[in-house]
PDB file of N, CA and C in Angstrom:
ATOM      1  N   GLU A   1      55.593 -52.342 154.895  1.00  0.00           N
ATOM      2  CA  GLU A   1      55.669 -53.729 155.252  1.00  0.00           C
ATOM      3  C   GLU A   1      55.274 -53.954 156.707  1.00  0.00           C
ATOM      4  N   LEU A   2      55.631 -53.015 157.593  1.00  0.00           N
ATOM      5  CA  LEU A   2      55.269 -53.176 158.998  1.00  0.00           C
ATOM      6  C   LEU A   2      53.756 -53.140 159.164  1.00  0.00           C
ATOM      7  N   ARG A   3      53.094 -52.243 158.441  1.00  0.00           N
ATOM      8  CA  ARG A   3      51.636 -52.175 158.533  1.00  0.00           C
ATOM      9  C   ARG A   3      50.992 -53.472 158.073  1.00  0.00           C
ATOM     10  N   ALA A   4      51.477 -54.026 156.984  1.00  0.00           N
ATOM     11  CA  ALA A   4      50.922 -55.281 156.476  1.00  0.00           C
ATOM     12  C   ALA A   4      51.142 -56.420 157.471  1.00  0.00           C
ATOM     13  N   LEU A   5      52.312 -56.470 158.092  1.00  0.00           N
ATOM     14  CA  LEU A   5      52.596 -57.503 159.080  1.00  0.00           C
ATOM     15  C   LEU A   5      51.670 -57.365 160.287  1.00  0.00           C
ATOM     16  N   CYS A   6      51.496 -56.154 160.779  1.00  0.00           N
ATOM     17  CA  CYS A   6      50.606 -55.935 161.917  1.00  0.00           C
ATOM     18  C   CYS A   6      49.183 -56.363 161.579  1.00  0.00           C
ATOM     19  N   ALA A   7      48.726 -56.002 160.402  1.00  0.00           N
ATOM     20  CA  ALA A   7      47.378 -56.384 159.983  1.00  0.00           C
ATOM     21  C   ALA A   7      47.252 -57.900 159.899  1.00  0.00           C
ATOM     22  N   LEU A   8      48.233 -58.568 159.328  1.00  0.00           N
ATOM     23  CA  LEU A   8      48.196 -60.023 159.198  1.00  0.00           C
ATOM     24  C   LEU A   8      48.153 -60.696 160.567  1.00  0.00           C
ATOM     25  N   LEU A   9      48.968 -60.226 161.503  1.00  0.00           N
ATOM     26  CA  LEU A   9      49.007 -60.824 162.834  1.00  0.00           C
ATOM     27  C   LEU A   9      47.685 -60.685 163.570  1.00  0.00           C
ATOM     28  N   LEU A  10      46.962 -59.612 163.312  1.00  0.00           N
ATOM     29  CA  LEU A  10      45.743 -59.346 164.071  1.00  0.00           C
ATOM     30  C   LEU A  10      44.479 -59.775 163.349  1.00  0.00           C
ATOM     31  N   ARG A  11      44.618 -60.421 162.203  1.00  0.00           N
ATOM     32  CA  ARG A  11      43.475 -61.000 161.519  1.00  0.00           C
ATOM     33  C   ARG A  11      43.210 -62.379 162.073  1.00  0.00           C
ATOM     34  N   SER A  12      42.322 -63.070 161.434  1.00  0.00           N
ATOM     35  CA  SER A  12      41.945 -64.391 161.928  1.00  0.00           C
ATOM     36  C   SER A  12      42.863 -65.490 161.422  1.00  0.00           C
ATOM     37  N   GLY A  13      44.049 -65.186 160.959  1.00  0.00           N
ATOM     38  CA  GLY A  13      45.019 -66.217 160.685  1.00  0.00           C
ATOM     39  C   GLY A  13      45.544 -66.275 159.275  1.00  0.00           C
ATOM     40  N   ARG A  14      44.804 -65.857 158.272  1.00  0.00           N
ATOM     41  CA  ARG A  14      45.250 -65.948 156.882  1.00  0.00           C
ATOM     42  C   ARG A  14      45.168 -64.575 156.235  1.00  0.00           C
ATOM     43  N   PRO A  15      45.967 -64.322 155.223  1.00  0.00           N
ATOM     44  CA  PRO A  15      45.919 -63.027 154.558  1.00  0.00           C
ATOM     45  C   PRO A  15      44.539 -62.657 154.036  1.00  0.00           C
ATOM     46  N   ASP A  16      43.718 -63.667 153.663  1.00  0.00           N
ATOM     47  CA  ASP A  16      42.376 -63.363 153.160  1.00  0.00           C
ATOM     48  C   ASP A  16      41.354 -63.209 154.279  1.00  0.00           C
ATOM     49  N   GLY A  17      41.803 -63.364 155.551  1.00  0.00           N
ATOM     50  CA  GLY A  17      40.907 -63.195 156.695  1.00  0.00           C
ATOM     51  C   GLY A  17      39.965 -64.356 156.908  1.00  0.00           C
ATOM     52  N   SER A  18      40.179 -65.487 156.241  1.00  0.00           N
ATOM     53  CA  SER A  18      39.245 -66.607 156.321  1.00  0.00           C
ATOM     54  C   SER A  18      39.241 -67.295 157.676  1.00  0.00           C
ATOM     55  N   GLY A  19      40.283 -67.123 158.443  1.00  0.00           N
ATOM     56  CA  GLY A  19      40.321 -67.706 159.771  1.00  0.00           C
ATOM     57  C   GLY A  19      40.949 -69.072 159.838  1.00  0.00           C
ATOM     58  N   GLU A  20      41.203 -69.706 158.717  1.00  0.00           N
ATOM     59  CA  GLU A  20      41.796 -71.033 158.724  1.00  0.00           C
ATOM     60  C   GLU A  20      43.282 -70.951 159.066  1.00  0.00           C
ATOM     61  N   GLY A  21      43.709 -71.841 159.924  1.00  0.00           N
ATOM     62  CA  GLY A  21      45.127 -71.930 160.247  1.00  0.00           C
ATOM     63  C   GLY A  21      45.617 -70.898 161.242  1.00  0.00           C
ATOM     64  N   GLY A  22      44.747 -70.048 161.749  1.00  0.00           N
ATOM     65  CA  GLY A  22      45.171 -69.002 162.666  1.00  0.00           C
ATOM     66  C   GLY A  22      45.085 -69.430 164.107  1.00  0.00           C
ATOM     67  N   GLY A  23      45.664 -68.657 164.944  1.00  0.00           N
ATOM     68  CA  GLY A  23      45.598 -68.888 166.369  1.00  0.00           C
ATOM     69  C   GLY A  23      45.658 -67.562 167.074  1.00  0.00           C
ATOM     70  N   LYS A  24      45.411 -67.572 168.357  1.00  0.00           N
ATOM     71  CA  LYS A  24      45.458 -66.348 169.139  1.00  0.00           C
ATOM     72  C   LYS A  24      46.896 -65.854 169.226  1.00  0.00           C
ATOM     73  N   VAL A  25      47.092 -64.583 169.041  1.00  0.00           N
ATOM     74  CA  VAL A  25      48.412 -63.974 169.106  1.00  0.00           C
ATOM     75  C   VAL A  25      48.708 -63.593 170.557  1.00  0.00           C
ATOM     76  N   THR A  26      49.904 -63.891 171.028  1.00  0.00           N
ATOM     77  CA  THR A  26      50.352 -63.437 172.339  1.00  0.00           C
ATOM     78  C   THR A  26      51.555 -62.531 172.132  1.00  0.00           C
ATOM     79  N   LEU A  27      51.411 -61.292 172.558  1.00  0.00           N
ATOM     80  CA  LEU A  27      52.510 -60.336 172.466  1.00  0.00           C
ATOM     81  C   LEU A  27      53.297 -60.384 173.766  1.00  0.00           C
ATOM     82  N   VAL A  28      54.608 -60.477 173.643  1.00  0.00           N
ATOM     83  CA  VAL A  28      55.493 -60.490 174.803  1.00  0.00           C
ATOM     84  C   VAL A  28      56.366 -59.253 174.720  1.00  0.00           C
ATOM     85  N   GLY A  29      56.411 -58.497 175.788  1.00  0.00           N
ATOM     86  CA  GLY A  29      57.220 -57.294 175.787  1.00  0.00           C
ATOM     87  C   GLY A  29      57.398 -56.762 177.184  1.00  0.00           C
ATOM     88  N   PHE A  30      57.941 -55.573 177.268  1.00  0.00           N
ATOM     89  CA  PHE A  30      58.211 -54.934 178.553  1.00  0.00           C
ATOM     90  C   PHE A  30      57.571 -53.560 178.525  1.00  0.00           C
ATOM     91  N   ALA A  31      56.647 -53.285 179.444  1.00  0.00           N
ATOM     92  CA  ALA A  31      55.936 -51.999 179.507  1.00  0.00           C
ATOM     93  C   ALA A  31      55.231 -51.729 178.178  1.00  0.00           C
ATOM     94  N   LEU A  32      54.269 -52.563 177.847  1.00  0.00           N
ATOM     95  CA  LEU A  32      53.640 -52.561 176.523  1.00  0.00           C
ATOM     96  C   LEU A  32      52.483 -51.582 176.324  1.00  0.00           C
ATOM     97  N   GLY A  33      52.050 -50.894 177.345  1.00  0.00           N
ATOM     98  CA  GLY A  33      50.851 -50.061 177.236  1.00  0.00           C
ATOM     99  C   GLY A  33      50.799 -49.161 176.017  1.00  0.00           C
ATOM    100  N   ALA A  34      51.779 -48.306 175.844  1.00  0.00           N
ATOM    101  CA  ALA A  34      51.797 -47.377 174.710  1.00  0.00           C
ATOM    102  C   ALA A  34      52.024 -48.107 173.394  1.00  0.00           C
ATOM    103  N   ASP A  35      52.781 -49.197 173.428  1.00  0.00           N
ATOM    104  CA  ASP A  35      53.052 -49.961 172.213  1.00  0.00           C
ATOM    105  C   ASP A  35      51.792 -50.600 171.656  1.00  0.00           C
ATOM    106  N   LEU A  36      50.879 -51.041 172.523  1.00  0.00           N
ATOM    107  CA  LEU A  36      49.643 -51.657 172.056  1.00  0.00           C
ATOM    108  C   LEU A  36      48.788 -50.668 171.275  1.00  0.00           C
ATOM    109  N   ALA A  37      48.719 -49.433 171.747  1.00  0.00           N
ATOM    110  CA  ALA A  37      47.948 -48.414 171.029  1.00  0.00           C
ATOM    111  C   ALA A  37      48.547 -48.160 169.647  1.00  0.00           C
ATOM    112  N   LYS A  38      49.860 -48.112 169.559  1.00  0.00           N
ATOM    113  CA  LYS A  38      50.524 -47.902 168.267  1.00  0.00           C
ATOM    114  C   LYS A  38      50.301 -49.090 167.333  1.00  0.00           C
ATOM    115  N   LEU A  39      50.378 -50.297 167.871  1.00  0.00           N
ATOM    116  CA  LEU A  39      50.161 -51.496 167.070  1.00  0.00           C
ATOM    117  C   LEU A  39      48.738 -51.535 166.511  1.00  0.00           C
ATOM    118  N   ARG A  40      47.759 -51.174 167.334  1.00  0.00           N
ATOM    119  CA  ARG A  40      46.365 -51.159 166.873  1.00  0.00           C
ATOM    120  C   ARG A  40      46.199 -50.156 165.739  1.00  0.00           C
ATOM    121  N   GLU A  41      46.800 -48.989 165.869  1.00  0.00           N
ATOM    122  CA  GLU A  41      46.707 -47.979 164.813  1.00  0.00           C
ATOM    123  C   GLU A  41      47.347 -48.484 163.523  1.00  0.00           C
ATOM    124  N   LEU A  42      48.507 -49.100 163.636  1.00  0.00           N
ATOM    125  CA  LEU A  42      49.158 -49.651 162.448  1.00  0.00           C
ATOM    126  C   LEU A  42      48.293 -50.716 161.781  1.00  0.00           C
ATOM    127  N   ALA A  43      47.748 -51.620 162.584  1.00  0.00           N
ATOM    128  CA  ALA A  43      47.002 -52.745 162.029  1.00  0.00           C
ATOM    129  C   ALA A  43      45.648 -52.335 161.465  1.00  0.00           C
ATOM    130  N   PHE A  44      44.952 -51.460 162.154  1.00  0.00           N
ATOM    131  CA  PHE A  44      43.583 -51.159 161.760  1.00  0.00           C
ATOM    132  C   PHE A  44      43.460 -49.905 160.919  1.00  0.00           C
ATOM    133  N   GLY A  45      44.544 -49.190 160.713  1.00  0.00           N
ATOM    134  CA  GLY A  45      44.472 -47.982 159.902  1.00  0.00           C
ATOM    135  C   GLY A  45      45.282 -48.088 158.633  1.00  0.00           C
ATOM    136  N   CYS A  46      45.467 -49.312 158.139  1.00  0.00           N
ATOM    137  CA  CYS A  46      46.400 -49.493 157.027  1.00  0.00           C
ATOM    138  C   CYS A  46      45.717 -49.616 155.679  1.00  0.00           C
ATOM    139  N   GLY A  47      44.410 -49.405 155.580  1.00  0.00           N
ATOM    140  CA  GLY A  47      43.743 -49.344 154.294  1.00  0.00           C
ATOM    141  C   GLY A  47      43.615 -50.653 153.548  1.00  0.00           C
ATOM    142  N   ASP A  48      43.605 -51.787 154.244  1.00  0.00           N
ATOM    143  CA  ASP A  48      43.472 -53.055 153.537  1.00  0.00           C
ATOM    144  C   ASP A  48      42.202 -53.791 153.937  1.00  0.00           C
ATOM    145  N   GLY A  49      41.208 -53.050 154.342  1.00  0.00           N
ATOM    146  CA  GLY A  49      39.955 -53.674 154.743  1.00  0.00           C
ATOM    147  C   GLY A  49      39.760 -53.684 156.243  1.00  0.00           C
ATOM    148  N   LEU A  50      40.829 -53.640 157.007  1.00  0.00           N
ATOM    149  CA  LEU A  50      40.677 -53.628 158.458  1.00  0.00           C
ATOM    150  C   LEU A  50      40.181 -52.277 158.952  1.00  0.00           C
ATOM    151  N   ARG A  51      40.429 -51.234 158.193  1.00  0.00           N
ATOM    152  CA  ARG A  51      39.973 -49.912 158.618  1.00  0.00           C
ATOM    153  C   ARG A  51      38.461 -49.899 158.790  1.00  0.00           C
ATOM    154  N   ASP A  52      37.766 -50.634 157.920  1.00  0.00           N
ATOM    155  CA  ASP A  52      36.317 -50.640 157.967  1.00  0.00           C
ATOM    156  C   ASP A  52      35.765 -51.572 159.044  1.00  0.00           C
ATOM    157  N   ARG A  53      36.625 -52.421 159.577  1.00  0.00           N
ATOM    158  CA  ARG A  53      36.174 -53.344 160.608  1.00  0.00           C
ATOM    159  C   ARG A  53      36.488 -52.742 161.973  1.00  0.00           C
ATOM    160  N   PRO A  54      35.496 -52.632 162.854  1.00  0.00           N
ATOM    161  CA  PRO A  54      35.756 -52.034 164.168  1.00  0.00           C
ATOM    162  C   PRO A  54      36.644 -52.897 165.039  1.00  0.00           C
ATOM    163  N   SER A  55      36.725 -54.173 164.730  1.00  0.00           N
ATOM    164  CA  SER A  55      37.561 -55.057 165.542  1.00  0.00           C
ATOM    165  C   SER A  55      37.964 -56.252 164.707  1.00  0.00           C
ATOM    166  N   SER A  56      38.739 -57.121 165.320  1.00  0.00           N
ATOM    167  CA  SER A  56      39.202 -58.345 164.686  1.00  0.00           C
ATOM    168  C   SER A  56      39.051 -59.456 165.709  1.00  0.00           C
ATOM    169  N   PRO A  57      38.879 -60.696 165.265  1.00  0.00           N
ATOM    170  CA  PRO A  57      38.791 -61.793 166.242  1.00  0.00           C
ATOM    171  C   PRO A  57      40.034 -61.897 167.113  1.00  0.00           C
ATOM    172  N   LEU A  58      41.151 -61.337 166.663  1.00  0.00           N
ATOM    173  CA  LEU A  58      42.391 -61.436 167.417  1.00  0.00           C
ATOM    174  C   LEU A  58      42.736 -60.148 168.164  1.00  0.00           C
ATOM    175  N   TRP A  59      41.820 -59.199 168.199  1.00  0.00           N
ATOM    176  CA  TRP A  59      42.080 -57.972 168.951  1.00  0.00           C
ATOM    177  C   TRP A  59      41.115 -57.885 170.097  1.00  0.00           C
ATOM    178  N   PRO A  60      41.495 -57.603 171.301  1.00  0.00           N
ATOM    179  CA  PRO A  60      42.875 -57.371 171.680  1.00  0.00           C
ATOM    180  C   PRO A  60      43.638 -58.685 171.798  1.00  0.00           C
ATOM    181  N   PRO A  61      44.935 -58.638 171.540  1.00  0.00           N
ATOM    182  CA  PRO A  61      45.739 -59.854 171.659  1.00  0.00           C
ATOM    183  C   PRO A  61      45.985 -60.202 173.125  1.00  0.00           C
ATOM    184  N   GLN A  62      46.364 -61.435 173.371  1.00  0.00           N
ATOM    185  CA  GLN A  62      46.830 -61.786 174.705  1.00  0.00           C
ATOM    186  C   GLN A  62      48.169 -61.080 174.886  1.00  0.00           C
ATOM    187  N   VAL A  63      48.427 -60.611 176.091  1.00  0.00           N
ATOM    188  CA  VAL A  63      49.647 -59.851 176.352  1.00  0.00           C
ATOM    189  C   VAL A  63      50.375 -60.452 177.552  1.00  0.00           C
ATOM    190  N   LEU A  64      51.664 -60.623 177.405  1.00  0.00           N
ATOM    191  CA  LEU A  64      52.524 -61.000 178.520  1.00  0.00           C
ATOM    192  C   LEU A  64      53.493 -59.842 178.702  1.00  0.00           C
ATOM    193  N   ASP A  65      53.183 -58.984 179.667  1.00  0.00           N
ATOM    194  CA  ASP A  65      54.022 -57.823 179.947  1.00  0.00           C
ATOM    195  C   ASP A  65      55.023 -58.215 181.032  1.00  0.00           C
ATOM    196  N   LEU A  66      56.274 -58.315 180.649  1.00  0.00           N
ATOM    197  CA  LEU A  66      57.302 -58.782 181.579  1.00  0.00           C
ATOM    198  C   LEU A  66      57.557 -57.802 182.716  1.00  0.00           C
ATOM    199  N   GLN A  67      57.197 -56.542 182.547  1.00  0.00           N
ATOM    200  CA  GLN A  67      57.320 -55.591 183.654  1.00  0.00           C
ATOM    201  C   GLN A  67      56.320 -55.956 184.755  1.00  0.00           C
ATOM    202  N   ALA A  68      55.100 -56.308 184.373  1.00  0.00           N
ATOM    203  CA  ALA A  68      54.092 -56.725 185.356  1.00  0.00           C
ATOM    204  C   ALA A  68      54.496 -58.032 186.030  1.00  0.00           C
ATOM    205  N   VAL A  69      55.083 -58.949 185.268  1.00  0.00           N
ATOM    206  CA  VAL A  69      55.571 -60.205 185.837  1.00  0.00           C
ATOM    207  C   VAL A  69      56.655 -59.918 186.868  1.00  0.00           C
ATOM    208  N   ALA A  70      57.552 -58.991 186.560  1.00  0.00           N
ATOM    209  CA  ALA A  70      58.615 -58.633 187.496  1.00  0.00           C
ATOM    210  C   ALA A  70      58.044 -58.065 188.791  1.00  0.00           C
ATOM    211  N   VAL A  71      57.031 -57.215 188.689  1.00  0.00           N
ATOM    212  CA  VAL A  71      56.400 -56.646 189.887  1.00  0.00           C
ATOM    213  C   VAL A  71      55.796 -57.767 190.735  1.00  0.00           C
ATOM    214  N   GLU A  72      55.102 -58.698 190.086  1.00  0.00           N
ATOM    215  CA  GLU A  72      54.508 -59.823 190.815  1.00  0.00           C
ATOM    216  C   GLU A  72      55.574 -60.663 191.516  1.00  0.00           C
ATOM    217  N   ALA A  73      56.778 -60.690 190.946  1.00  0.00           N
ATOM    218  CA  ALA A  73      57.872 -61.464 191.522  1.00  0.00           C
ATOM    219  C   ALA A  73      58.671 -60.666 192.549  1.00  0.00           C
ATOM    220  N   GLY A  74      58.253 -59.437 192.833  1.00  0.00           N
ATOM    221  CA  GLY A  74      58.911 -58.661 193.875  1.00  0.00           C
ATOM    222  C   GLY A  74      59.972 -57.687 193.405  1.00  0.00           C
ATOM    223  N   VAL A  75      60.074 -57.453 192.117  1.00  0.00           N
ATOM    224  CA  VAL A  75      61.020 -56.450 191.597  1.00  0.00           C
ATOM    225  C   VAL A  75      60.233 -55.149 191.444  1.00  0.00           C
ATOM    226  N   GLY A  76      60.625 -54.120 192.156  1.00  0.00           N
ATOM    227  CA  GLY A  76      59.874 -52.869 192.118  1.00  0.00           C
ATOM    228  C   GLY A  76      58.519 -53.042 192.780  1.00  0.00           C
ATOM    229  N   SER A  77      57.587 -52.160 192.418  1.00  0.00           N
ATOM    230  CA  SER A  77      56.226 -52.220 192.959  1.00  0.00           C
ATOM    231  C   SER A  77      55.285 -51.565 191.951  1.00  0.00           C
ATOM    232  N   ARG A  78      54.005 -51.666 192.205  1.00  0.00           N
ATOM    233  CA  ARG A  78      53.037 -51.040 191.282  1.00  0.00           C
ATOM    234  C   ARG A  78      53.182 -49.515 191.275  1.00  0.00           C
ATOM    235  N   SER A  79      53.603 -48.948 192.393  1.00  0.00           N
ATOM    236  CA  SER A  79      53.780 -47.499 192.439  1.00  0.00           C
ATOM    237  C   SER A  79      55.156 -47.060 191.940  1.00  0.00           C
ATOM    238  N   ARG A  80      56.088 -47.992 191.920  1.00  0.00           N
ATOM    239  CA  ARG A  80      57.436 -47.707 191.414  1.00  0.00           C
ATOM    240  C   ARG A  80      57.862 -48.869 190.522  1.00  0.00           C
ATOM    241  N   LEU A  81      57.456 -48.776 189.251  1.00  0.00           N
ATOM    242  CA  LEU A  81      57.674 -49.869 188.308  1.00  0.00           C
ATOM    243  C   LEU A  81      59.158 -50.090 188.045  1.00  0.00           C
ATOM    244  N   PRO A  82      59.560 -51.351 187.916  1.00  0.00           N
ATOM    245  CA  PRO A  82      60.973 -51.648 187.682  1.00  0.00           C
ATOM    246  C   PRO A  82      61.392 -51.335 186.256  1.00  0.00           C
ATOM    247  N   SER A  83      62.654 -51.010 186.093  1.00  0.00           N
ATOM    248  CA  SER A  83      63.218 -50.804 184.760  1.00  0.00           C
ATOM    249  C   SER A  83      63.538 -52.158 184.142  1.00  0.00           C
ATOM    250  N   LEU A  84      63.744 -52.160 182.839  1.00  0.00           N
ATOM    251  CA  LEU A  84      64.157 -53.382 182.155  1.00  0.00           C
ATOM    252  C   LEU A  84      65.487 -53.877 182.722  1.00  0.00           C
ATOM    253  N   ARG A  85      66.390 -52.956 182.963  1.00  0.00           N
ATOM    254  CA  ARG A  85      67.691 -53.323 183.532  1.00  0.00           C
ATOM    255  C   ARG A  85      67.525 -54.017 184.889  1.00  0.00           C
ATOM    256  N   ALA A  86      66.682 -53.469 185.761  1.00  0.00           N
ATOM    257  CA  ALA A  86      66.481 -54.071 187.087  1.00  0.00           C
ATOM    258  C   ALA A  86      65.892 -55.470 186.976  1.00  0.00           C
ATOM    259  N   ALA A  87      64.947 -55.657 186.062  1.00  0.00           N
ATOM    260  CA  ALA A  87      64.333 -56.980 185.889  1.00  0.00           C
ATOM    261  C   ALA A  87      65.353 -57.996 185.368  1.00  0.00           C
ATOM    262  N   VAL A  88      66.136 -57.607 184.379  1.00  0.00           N
ATOM    263  CA  VAL A  88      67.137 -58.521 183.823  1.00  0.00           C
ATOM    264  C   VAL A  88      68.175 -58.871 184.879  1.00  0.00           C
ATOM    265  N   GLU A  89      68.651 -57.884 185.599  1.00  0.00           N
ATOM    266  CA  GLU A  89      69.678 -58.138 186.608  1.00  0.00           C
ATOM    267  C   GLU A  89      69.165 -59.044 187.724  1.00  0.00           C
ATOM    268  N   ARG A  90      67.861 -58.970 188.013  1.00  0.00           N
ATOM    269  CA  ARG A  90      67.277 -59.827 189.050  1.00  0.00           C
ATOM    270  C   ARG A  90      67.128 -61.265 188.573  1.00  0.00           C
ATOM    271  N   PHE A  91      66.666 -61.456 187.339  1.00  0.00           N
ATOM    272  CA  PHE A  91      66.345 -62.805 186.860  1.00  0.00           C
ATOM    273  C   PHE A  91      67.459 -63.473 186.067  1.00  0.00           C
ATOM    274  N   LEU A  92      68.428 -62.703 185.616  1.00  0.00           N
ATOM    275  CA  LEU A  92      69.576 -63.253 184.886  1.00  0.00           C
ATOM    276  C   LEU A  92      70.857 -62.772 185.567  1.00  0.00           C
ATOM    277  N   PRO A  93      71.190 -63.369 186.700  1.00  0.00           N
ATOM    278  CA  PRO A  93      72.363 -62.915 187.459  1.00  0.00           C
ATOM    279  C   PRO A  93      73.610 -62.835 186.585  1.00  0.00           C
ATOM    280  N   GLY A  94      74.344 -61.752 186.736  1.00  0.00           N
ATOM    281  CA  GLY A  94      75.551 -61.539 185.962  1.00  0.00           C
ATOM    282  C   GLY A  94      75.298 -60.884 184.624  1.00  0.00           C
ATOM    283  N   SER A  95      74.025 -60.629 184.288  1.00  0.00           N
ATOM    284  CA  SER A  95      73.671 -59.991 183.017  1.00  0.00           C
ATOM    285  C   SER A  95      73.053 -58.633 183.274  1.00  0.00           C
ATOM    286  N   THR A  96      73.119 -57.782 182.262  1.00  0.00           N
ATOM    287  CA  THR A  96      72.433 -56.500 182.302  1.00  0.00           C
ATOM    288  C   THR A  96      71.938 -56.200 180.899  1.00  0.00           C
ATOM    289  N   LEU A  97      70.908 -55.377 180.804  1.00  0.00           N
ATOM    290  CA  LEU A  97      70.296 -55.095 179.510  1.00  0.00           C
ATOM    291  C   LEU A  97      69.418 -53.861 179.649  1.00  0.00           C
ATOM    292  N   ASP A  98      69.337 -53.098 178.573  1.00  0.00           N
ATOM    293  CA  ASP A  98      68.363 -52.012 178.536  1.00  0.00           C
ATOM    294  C   ASP A  98      67.732 -51.997 177.144  1.00  0.00           C
ATOM    295  N   LYS A  99      66.752 -51.127 176.943  1.00  0.00           N
ATOM    296  CA  LYS A  99      66.029 -51.107 175.661  1.00  0.00           C
ATOM    297  C   LYS A  99      66.917 -50.780 174.476  1.00  0.00           C
ATOM    298  N   ALA A 100      68.001 -50.082 174.702  1.00  0.00           N
ATOM    299  CA  ALA A 100      68.915 -49.740 173.607  1.00  0.00           C
ATOM    300  C   ALA A 100      69.664 -50.973 173.106  1.00  0.00           C
ATOM    301  N   GLN A 101      69.784 -51.963 173.949  1.00  0.00           N
ATOM    302  CA  GLN A 101      70.514 -53.184 173.569  1.00  0.00           C
ATOM    303  C   GLN A 101      69.569 -54.138 172.939  1.00  0.00           C
TER     304      GLN A 101
END
């Protein structure tokens, strides 16, 4: 089911690939680099016709990497990337969070 969902999200909007009703996908996450490679493999290697297509109109997706946003806002630096916990504690005072939560 995860493979089918990934393929659907990265197609042109409809299960038949017709492009009607679709829009650009924006992925939001934290430190997404390795996750994007895994998502591409899931979507394009799932044997439903996408394997034969070298690309999709929706690949690569727009990405909002909250770790990069945190660096731009002064949390950590490009040479010392902030943790999820540090970003949450900076932008949500009184809160804490990590990937396990």
